[in-house]
Amino acid sequence: VLLSIGEAHGLERGEMMAAFADPALRSEVERLEAHAQRIGVQGVPFFIINNRYAVSGAQPATSWAQALPPMIADLRKAG
């Protein structure tokens, strides 16, 4: 199924099969999945900003416009 979806979007079947078989890539995906579980990710989308802030779910632009300025100010203070 994934190969068909990839091909429908212009990806090469051989390249996808090589990626699926790559042990280094598999290890990296497993590492990222474990990290997501540790920090409580339970669905997508889930945004992690500078490893300090987490925003779960699709948020409207107005929510981002309110949330980002204090985050940016805090990050600037932290250096």
N, C-alpha and C. Protein backbone atom coordinates (compact mmCIF):
# COMPACT_ATOMS: atom_id res chain seq x y z
N VAL A 1 0.83 -1.19 0.00
CA VAL A 1 0.00 0.00 0.00
C VAL A 1 0.87 1.25 0.00
N LEU A 2 1.89 1.28 0.87
CA LEU A 2 2.76 2.46 0.93
C LEU A 2 3.50 2.68 -0.39
N LEU A 3 3.93 1.60 -1.01
CA LEU A 3 4.63 1.74 -2.30
C LEU A 3 3.69 2.34 -3.34
N SER A 4 2.45 1.90 -3.37
CA SER A 4 1.48 2.45 -4.33
C SER A 4 1.22 3.92 -4.08
N ILE A 5 1.09 4.29 -2.82
CA ILE A 5 0.87 5.69 -2.48
C ILE A 5 2.08 6.53 -2.89
N GLY A 6 3.26 6.03 -2.59
CA GLY A 6 4.48 6.75 -2.96
C GLY A 6 4.60 6.93 -4.46
N GLU A 7 4.34 5.85 -5.20
CA GLU A 7 4.40 5.95 -6.67
C GLU A 7 3.38 6.95 -7.20
N ALA A 8 2.20 6.96 -6.61
CA ALA A 8 1.16 7.90 -7.05
C ALA A 8 1.59 9.35 -6.84
N HIS A 9 2.57 9.55 -5.96
CA HIS A 9 3.06 10.90 -5.69
C HIS A 9 4.46 11.13 -6.23
N GLY A 10 4.88 10.29 -7.18
CA GLY A 10 6.11 10.55 -7.91
C GLY A 10 7.38 9.93 -7.34
N LEU A 11 7.26 9.10 -6.32
CA LEU A 11 8.46 8.47 -5.77
C LEU A 11 8.77 7.20 -6.55
N GLU A 12 10.05 6.85 -6.59
CA GLU A 12 10.50 5.65 -7.30
C GLU A 12 10.35 4.43 -6.40
N ARG A 13 9.73 3.37 -6.91
CA ARG A 13 9.49 2.15 -6.14
C ARG A 13 10.80 1.58 -5.59
N GLY A 14 11.84 1.50 -6.41
CA GLY A 14 13.11 0.94 -5.96
C GLY A 14 13.73 1.72 -4.81
N GLU A 15 13.65 3.04 -4.88
CA GLU A 15 14.19 3.88 -3.82
C GLU A 15 13.41 3.70 -2.52
N MET A 16 12.10 3.56 -2.65
CA MET A 16 11.28 3.34 -1.45
C MET A 16 11.60 1.99 -0.83
N MET A 17 11.73 0.96 -1.66
CA MET A 17 12.04 -0.37 -1.14
C MET A 17 13.40 -0.37 -0.44
N ALA A 18 14.36 0.35 -1.02
CA ALA A 18 15.68 0.44 -0.39
C ALA A 18 15.58 1.16 0.96
N ALA A 19 14.79 2.21 1.03
CA ALA A 19 14.61 2.93 2.29
C ALA A 19 13.96 2.03 3.34
N PHE A 20 12.95 1.27 2.94
CA PHE A 20 12.27 0.38 3.89
C PHE A 20 13.23 -0.69 4.40
N ALA A 21 14.19 -1.11 3.60
CA ALA A 21 15.12 -2.18 3.98
C ALA A 21 16.37 -1.66 4.69
N ASP A 22 16.57 -0.36 4.76
CA ASP A 22 17.77 0.24 5.33
C ASP A 22 17.75 0.14 6.87
N PRO A 23 18.65 -0.63 7.47
CA PRO A 23 18.64 -0.77 8.92
C PRO A 23 18.93 0.54 9.67
N ALA A 24 19.75 1.39 9.11
CA ALA A 24 20.05 2.67 9.76
C ALA A 24 18.80 3.56 9.78
N LEU A 25 18.07 3.58 8.67
CA LEU A 25 16.85 4.37 8.62
C LEU A 25 15.81 3.80 9.59
N ARG A 26 15.68 2.48 9.62
CA ARG A 26 14.74 1.84 10.55
C ARG A 26 15.08 2.21 11.99
N SER A 27 16.37 2.16 12.33
CA SER A 27 16.81 2.51 13.67
C SER A 27 16.46 3.95 14.02
N GLU A 28 16.67 4.85 13.08
CA GLU A 28 16.36 6.27 13.31
C GLU A 28 14.86 6.47 13.51
N VAL A 29 14.04 5.81 12.73
CA VAL A 29 12.59 5.93 12.88
C VAL A 29 12.17 5.39 14.25
N GLU A 30 12.72 4.26 14.65
CA GLU A 30 12.40 3.68 15.96
C GLU A 30 12.84 4.60 17.10
N ARG A 31 14.00 5.24 16.93
CA ARG A 31 14.49 6.18 17.94
C ARG A 31 13.54 7.37 18.08
N LEU A 32 13.09 7.89 16.94
CA LEU A 32 12.18 9.02 16.95
C LEU A 32 10.81 8.64 17.53
N GLU A 33 10.34 7.45 17.22
CA GLU A 33 9.07 6.97 17.78
C GLU A 33 9.16 6.85 19.31
N ALA A 34 10.27 6.30 19.81
CA ALA A 34 10.46 6.15 21.24
C ALA A 34 10.51 7.51 21.93
N HIS A 35 11.19 8.46 21.30
CA HIS A 35 11.26 9.82 21.86
C HIS A 35 9.86 10.43 21.91
N ALA A 36 9.10 10.28 20.86
CA ALA A 36 7.73 10.82 20.84
C ALA A 36 6.89 10.22 21.95
N GLN A 37 7.01 8.93 22.18
CA GLN A 37 6.26 8.28 23.26
C GLN A 37 6.69 8.83 24.62
N ARG A 38 7.99 9.01 24.81
CA ARG A 38 8.50 9.52 26.11
C ARG A 38 7.96 10.91 26.43
N ILE A 39 7.79 11.74 25.41
CA ILE A 39 7.34 13.11 25.68
C ILE A 39 5.82 13.25 25.57
N GLY A 40 5.13 12.15 25.36
CA GLY A 40 3.67 12.16 25.43
C GLY A 40 2.93 12.43 24.13
N VAL A 41 3.58 12.32 23.00
CA VAL A 41 2.89 12.51 21.73
C VAL A 41 1.88 11.37 21.58
N GLN A 42 0.62 11.74 21.34
CA GLN A 42 -0.42 10.74 21.19
C GLN A 42 -1.15 10.85 19.86
N GLY A 43 -0.79 11.82 19.07
CA GLY A 43 -1.44 11.98 17.78
C GLY A 43 -0.70 13.01 16.93
N VAL A 44 -1.19 13.20 15.74
CA VAL A 44 -0.61 14.17 14.83
C VAL A 44 -1.71 15.12 14.36
N PRO A 45 -1.38 16.34 14.05
CA PRO A 45 -0.04 16.92 14.14
C PRO A 45 0.35 17.20 15.59
N PHE A 46 1.65 17.26 15.81
CA PHE A 46 2.21 17.57 17.12
C PHE A 46 3.49 18.35 16.85
N PHE A 47 3.57 19.55 17.35
CA PHE A 47 4.69 20.44 17.06
C PHE A 47 5.57 20.57 18.29
N ILE A 48 6.87 20.39 18.11
CA ILE A 48 7.84 20.58 19.18
C ILE A 48 8.73 21.73 18.75
N ILE A 49 8.77 22.76 19.58
CA ILE A 49 9.52 23.96 19.24
C ILE A 49 10.73 24.06 20.15
N ASN A 50 11.92 23.93 19.54
CA ASN A 50 13.20 24.06 20.23
C ASN A 50 13.31 23.13 21.45
N ASN A 51 12.67 22.00 21.39
CA ASN A 51 12.66 21.01 22.48
C ASN A 51 12.20 21.59 23.81
N ARG A 52 11.46 22.70 23.76
CA ARG A 52 10.98 23.32 24.99
C ARG A 52 9.47 23.46 25.04
N TYR A 53 8.85 23.56 23.90
CA TYR A 53 7.40 23.79 23.83
C TYR A 53 6.76 22.74 22.96
N ALA A 54 5.56 22.35 23.34
CA ALA A 54 4.81 21.36 22.55
C ALA A 54 3.41 21.90 22.30
N VAL A 55 2.96 21.72 21.08
CA VAL A 55 1.62 22.12 20.68
C VAL A 55 0.98 20.92 20.01
N SER A 56 -0.11 20.46 20.59
CA SER A 56 -0.78 19.27 20.07
C SER A 56 -1.97 19.67 19.21
N GLY A 57 -2.12 18.99 18.11
CA GLY A 57 -3.28 19.19 17.26
C GLY A 57 -3.13 20.35 16.30
N ALA A 58 -4.03 20.36 15.34
CA ALA A 58 -4.06 21.45 14.36
C ALA A 58 -4.61 22.69 15.06
N GLN A 59 -3.88 23.77 14.98
CA GLN A 59 -4.29 25.00 15.64
C GLN A 59 -4.55 26.08 14.59
N PRO A 60 -5.55 26.90 14.83
CA PRO A 60 -5.79 27.99 13.88
C PRO A 60 -4.67 29.02 13.94
N ALA A 61 -4.55 29.78 12.89
CA ALA A 61 -3.49 30.79 12.81
C ALA A 61 -3.55 31.76 13.98
N THR A 62 -4.73 32.09 14.44
CA THR A 62 -4.85 33.03 15.56
C THR A 62 -4.22 32.47 16.84
N SER A 63 -4.35 31.17 17.05
CA SER A 63 -3.72 30.55 18.22
C SER A 63 -2.20 30.62 18.12
N TRP A 64 -1.66 30.34 16.92
CA TRP A 64 -0.21 30.44 16.73
C TRP A 64 0.25 31.88 16.91
N ALA A 65 -0.52 32.82 16.40
CA ALA A 65 -0.14 34.23 16.52
C ALA A 65 -0.08 34.66 17.98
N GLN A 66 -0.90 34.07 18.83
CA GLN A 66 -0.86 34.40 20.26
C GLN A 66 0.24 33.63 20.98
N ALA A 67 0.49 32.39 20.57
CA ALA A 67 1.43 31.54 21.30
C ALA A 67 2.89 31.82 20.96
N LEU A 68 3.18 32.15 19.73
CA LEU A 68 4.58 32.27 19.31
C LEU A 68 5.34 33.45 19.93
N PRO A 69 4.79 34.65 20.02
CA PRO A 69 5.57 35.75 20.59
C PRO A 69 6.12 35.48 21.99
N PRO A 70 5.31 34.95 22.94
CA PRO A 70 5.90 34.66 24.26
C PRO A 70 6.96 33.55 24.20
N MET A 71 6.78 32.58 23.33
CA MET A 71 7.78 31.52 23.18
C MET A 71 9.09 32.11 22.67
N ILE A 72 8.99 32.95 21.66
CA ILE A 72 10.18 33.57 21.07
C ILE A 72 10.89 34.44 22.10
N ALA A 73 10.13 35.22 22.86
CA ALA A 73 10.73 36.08 23.89
C ALA A 73 11.44 35.23 24.93
N ASP A 74 10.82 34.14 25.35
CA ASP A 74 11.43 33.26 26.34
C ASP A 74 12.71 32.63 25.79
N LEU A 75 12.68 32.20 24.55
CA LEU A 75 13.87 31.59 23.93
C LEU A 75 15.00 32.61 23.81
N ARG A 76 14.66 33.85 23.51
CA ARG A 76 15.69 34.89 23.40
C ARG A 76 16.33 35.15 24.76
N LYS A 77 15.51 35.17 25.83
CA LYS A 77 16.05 35.37 27.18
C LYS A 77 16.98 34.23 27.58
N ALA A 78 16.61 33.01 27.16
CA ALA A 78 17.42 31.83 27.52
C ALA A 78 18.73 31.79 26.74
N GLY A 79 18.79 32.55 25.66
CA GLY A 79 20.02 32.60 24.87
C GLY A 79 20.08 31.53 23.88
